Amino acid sequence: MNSLKRISGILWMAAAVFGIYLMVRQAGIEFGKSPALDTRIFWYTIIPIFTPIMFGMALFGFYCLKGEYDRIEE
C-alpha cells in the first residue's frame, strides 16, 4: 500500500505541473485571439488564484513520495 501512495505522489506532482502549464498556455492562446481587457482581467485573476493551489497539490505529492503518509505498523 505504501508503494501505491508513493506512485500517487508522482502523479499529484505531475498533475500540478501540467495544470499550471495548461492555464498559462490557455491564457496565451486567448490573449492572441482576443487581447480585450476583459480577457486579460479574467486571466490575471485566475492564474494568481489557482497557481498556489497547484503548488499545494505538488507539495502534497512530494510528501507522498517522501513517505510522510505511510502507515506505521505496530
N, C-alpha and C. Protein backbone atom coordinates (compact mmCIF):
# COMPACT_ATOMS: atom_id res chain seq x y z
N MET A 1 0.83 -1.20 0.00
CA MET A 1 0.00 0.00 0.00
C MET A 1 0.86 1.26 0.00
N ASN A 2 2.01 1.20 0.69
CA ASN A 2 2.87 2.37 0.75
C ASN A 2 3.46 2.70 -0.61
N SER A 3 3.75 1.67 -1.41
CA SER A 3 4.31 1.96 -2.74
C SER A 3 3.26 2.63 -3.62
N LEU A 4 2.00 2.28 -3.44
CA LEU A 4 0.92 2.93 -4.19
C LEU A 4 0.82 4.41 -3.82
N LYS A 5 1.01 4.72 -2.54
CA LYS A 5 0.99 6.12 -2.10
C LYS A 5 2.14 6.89 -2.71
N ARG A 6 3.29 6.27 -2.82
CA ARG A 6 4.45 6.96 -3.40
C ARG A 6 4.28 7.16 -4.89
N ILE A 7 3.71 6.20 -5.57
CA ILE A 7 3.44 6.37 -7.00
C ILE A 7 2.40 7.47 -7.21
N SER A 8 1.39 7.50 -6.36
CA SER A 8 0.38 8.56 -6.49
C SER A 8 0.98 9.93 -6.21
N GLY A 9 2.02 9.99 -5.38
CA GLY A 9 2.71 11.26 -5.15
C GLY A 9 3.31 11.81 -6.44
N ILE A 10 3.90 10.94 -7.23
CA ILE A 10 4.45 11.36 -8.52
C ILE A 10 3.33 11.87 -9.42
N LEU A 11 2.20 11.18 -9.39
CA LEU A 11 1.06 11.60 -10.22
C LEU A 11 0.51 12.96 -9.78
N TRP A 12 0.44 13.21 -8.45
CA TRP A 12 -0.03 14.50 -7.95
C TRP A 12 0.89 15.63 -8.40
N MET A 13 2.21 15.38 -8.30
CA MET A 13 3.15 16.42 -8.71
C MET A 13 3.07 16.68 -10.22
N ALA A 14 2.93 15.62 -11.00
CA ALA A 14 2.81 15.78 -12.45
C ALA A 14 1.51 16.51 -12.81
N ALA A 15 0.42 16.20 -12.11
CA ALA A 15 -0.85 16.87 -12.38
C ALA A 15 -0.77 18.36 -12.06
N ALA A 16 -0.06 18.71 -11.00
CA ALA A 16 0.07 20.12 -10.63
C ALA A 16 0.87 20.89 -11.67
N VAL A 17 1.99 20.33 -12.10
CA VAL A 17 2.81 21.00 -13.11
C VAL A 17 2.05 21.11 -14.41
N PHE A 18 1.35 20.05 -14.79
CA PHE A 18 0.58 20.06 -16.03
C PHE A 18 -0.58 21.06 -15.95
N GLY A 19 -1.19 21.19 -14.79
CA GLY A 19 -2.28 22.16 -14.61
C GLY A 19 -1.80 23.60 -14.78
N ILE A 20 -0.64 23.91 -14.21
CA ILE A 20 -0.08 25.26 -14.38
C ILE A 20 0.25 25.51 -15.84
N TYR A 21 0.84 24.51 -16.48
CA TYR A 21 1.17 24.63 -17.91
C TYR A 21 -0.09 24.90 -18.74
N LEU A 22 -1.14 24.15 -18.47
CA LEU A 22 -2.38 24.33 -19.24
C LEU A 22 -3.00 25.72 -19.02
N MET A 23 -2.95 26.22 -17.78
CA MET A 23 -3.51 27.55 -17.52
C MET A 23 -2.75 28.62 -18.29
N VAL A 24 -1.43 28.57 -18.22
CA VAL A 24 -0.63 29.59 -18.88
C VAL A 24 -0.77 29.47 -20.40
N ARG A 25 -0.82 28.25 -20.89
CA ARG A 25 -0.98 28.04 -22.34
C ARG A 25 -2.32 28.58 -22.83
N GLN A 26 -3.38 28.27 -22.08
CA GLN A 26 -4.71 28.76 -22.48
C GLN A 26 -4.79 30.28 -22.42
N ALA A 27 -4.15 30.86 -21.42
CA ALA A 27 -4.13 32.33 -21.34
C ALA A 27 -3.42 32.91 -22.55
N GLY A 28 -2.31 32.32 -22.94
CA GLY A 28 -1.58 32.80 -24.12
C GLY A 28 -2.40 32.69 -25.39
N ILE A 29 -3.11 31.58 -25.52
CA ILE A 29 -3.97 31.39 -26.71
C ILE A 29 -5.07 32.44 -26.74
N GLU A 30 -5.71 32.68 -25.60
CA GLU A 30 -6.81 33.64 -25.58
C GLU A 30 -6.31 35.07 -25.72
N PHE A 31 -5.11 35.37 -25.22
CA PHE A 31 -4.55 36.71 -25.44
C PHE A 31 -4.29 36.94 -26.92
N GLY A 32 -3.86 35.90 -27.62
CA GLY A 32 -3.61 36.02 -29.04
C GLY A 32 -4.87 36.21 -29.86
N LYS A 33 -5.95 35.52 -29.45
CA LYS A 33 -7.22 35.63 -30.16
C LYS A 33 -7.91 36.95 -29.90
N SER A 34 -8.01 37.30 -28.63
CA SER A 34 -8.78 38.48 -28.24
C SER A 34 -8.03 39.23 -27.13
N PRO A 35 -7.23 40.22 -27.52
CA PRO A 35 -6.49 40.96 -26.48
C PRO A 35 -7.34 42.00 -25.75
N ALA A 36 -8.63 41.71 -25.63
CA ALA A 36 -9.53 42.66 -24.96
C ALA A 36 -9.24 42.71 -23.46
N LEU A 37 -9.66 43.78 -22.85
CA LEU A 37 -9.40 44.00 -21.43
C LEU A 37 -10.07 42.95 -20.55
N ASP A 38 -11.29 42.54 -20.91
CA ASP A 38 -11.98 41.56 -20.06
C ASP A 38 -11.28 40.20 -20.08
N THR A 39 -10.67 39.83 -21.19
CA THR A 39 -9.91 38.58 -21.25
C THR A 39 -8.68 38.66 -20.36
N ARG A 40 -7.99 39.78 -20.41
CA ARG A 40 -6.80 39.95 -19.58
C ARG A 40 -7.15 39.99 -18.09
N ILE A 41 -8.21 40.68 -17.74
CA ILE A 41 -8.62 40.73 -16.34
C ILE A 41 -8.96 39.34 -15.83
N PHE A 42 -9.66 38.57 -16.66
CA PHE A 42 -10.03 37.21 -16.27
C PHE A 42 -8.79 36.37 -15.97
N TRP A 43 -7.83 36.35 -16.89
CA TRP A 43 -6.64 35.51 -16.70
C TRP A 43 -5.70 36.08 -15.66
N TYR A 44 -5.63 37.39 -15.53
CA TYR A 44 -4.80 37.97 -14.47
C TYR A 44 -5.39 37.70 -13.09
N THR A 45 -6.65 37.30 -13.03
CA THR A 45 -7.27 36.92 -11.77
C THR A 45 -7.14 35.41 -11.53
N ILE A 46 -7.38 34.62 -12.57
CA ILE A 46 -7.40 33.16 -12.43
C ILE A 46 -6.01 32.60 -12.13
N ILE A 47 -4.99 33.06 -12.83
CA ILE A 47 -3.65 32.48 -12.66
C ILE A 47 -3.11 32.69 -11.24
N PRO A 48 -3.19 33.89 -10.66
CA PRO A 48 -2.68 34.02 -9.28
C PRO A 48 -3.50 33.26 -8.24
N ILE A 49 -4.76 32.97 -8.53
CA ILE A 49 -5.58 32.23 -7.57
C ILE A 49 -5.27 30.74 -7.63
N PHE A 50 -5.17 30.19 -8.83
CA PHE A 50 -5.02 28.75 -8.96
C PHE A 50 -3.58 28.26 -8.91
N THR A 51 -2.60 29.12 -9.14
CA THR A 51 -1.21 28.69 -9.07
C THR A 51 -0.82 28.22 -7.65
N PRO A 52 -1.16 28.94 -6.58
CA PRO A 52 -0.85 28.40 -5.25
C PRO A 52 -1.57 27.09 -4.93
N ILE A 53 -2.76 26.91 -5.48
CA ILE A 53 -3.47 25.65 -5.29
C ILE A 53 -2.70 24.52 -5.95
N MET A 54 -2.18 24.78 -7.14
CA MET A 54 -1.38 23.77 -7.83
C MET A 54 -0.07 23.49 -7.09
N PHE A 55 0.54 24.52 -6.52
CA PHE A 55 1.74 24.30 -5.73
C PHE A 55 1.42 23.46 -4.49
N GLY A 56 0.26 23.66 -3.92
CA GLY A 56 -0.17 22.83 -2.80
C GLY A 56 -0.35 21.37 -3.20
N MET A 57 -0.90 21.14 -4.39
CA MET A 57 -1.01 19.78 -4.89
C MET A 57 0.36 19.15 -5.08
N ALA A 58 1.31 19.93 -5.61
CA ALA A 58 2.66 19.42 -5.81
C ALA A 58 3.33 19.12 -4.47
N LEU A 59 3.10 19.95 -3.48
CA LEU A 59 3.67 19.72 -2.16
C LEU A 59 3.08 18.46 -1.53
N PHE A 60 1.79 18.27 -1.69
CA PHE A 60 1.14 17.05 -1.21
C PHE A 60 1.76 15.82 -1.88
N GLY A 61 1.97 15.92 -3.19
CA GLY A 61 2.60 14.82 -3.92
C GLY A 61 4.03 14.57 -3.46
N PHE A 62 4.75 15.64 -3.15
CA PHE A 62 6.12 15.49 -2.66
C PHE A 62 6.14 14.76 -1.33
N TYR A 63 5.23 15.12 -0.44
CA TYR A 63 5.18 14.44 0.85
C TYR A 63 4.74 12.98 0.70
N CYS A 64 3.86 12.70 -0.27
CA CYS A 64 3.51 11.30 -0.54
C CYS A 64 4.73 10.53 -1.02
N LEU A 65 5.47 11.13 -1.93
CA LEU A 65 6.67 10.49 -2.46
C LEU A 65 7.72 10.27 -1.38
N LYS A 66 7.82 11.22 -0.48
CA LYS A 66 8.79 11.14 0.61
C LYS A 66 8.41 10.08 1.64
N GLY A 67 7.14 9.72 1.70
CA GLY A 67 6.69 8.69 2.63
C GLY A 67 6.10 9.23 3.92
N GLU A 68 5.71 10.47 3.93
CA GLU A 68 5.16 11.07 5.14
C GLU A 68 3.79 10.49 5.52
N TYR A 69 3.09 9.93 4.56
CA TYR A 69 1.75 9.41 4.83
C TYR A 69 1.72 7.89 4.96
N ASP A 70 2.90 7.29 5.08
CA ASP A 70 2.96 5.85 5.26
C ASP A 70 2.45 5.48 6.64
N ARG A 71 1.75 4.38 6.70
CA ARG A 71 1.22 3.90 7.97
C ARG A 71 2.33 3.19 8.73
N ILE A 72 2.42 3.50 9.98
CA ILE A 72 3.40 2.84 10.84
C ILE A 72 2.75 1.58 11.41
N GLU A 73 3.31 0.45 11.06
CA GLU A 73 2.76 -0.82 11.54
C GLU A 73 3.28 -1.08 12.97
N GLU A 74 2.37 -1.32 13.86
CA GLU A 74 2.76 -1.60 15.25
C GLU A 74 2.44 -3.01 15.63
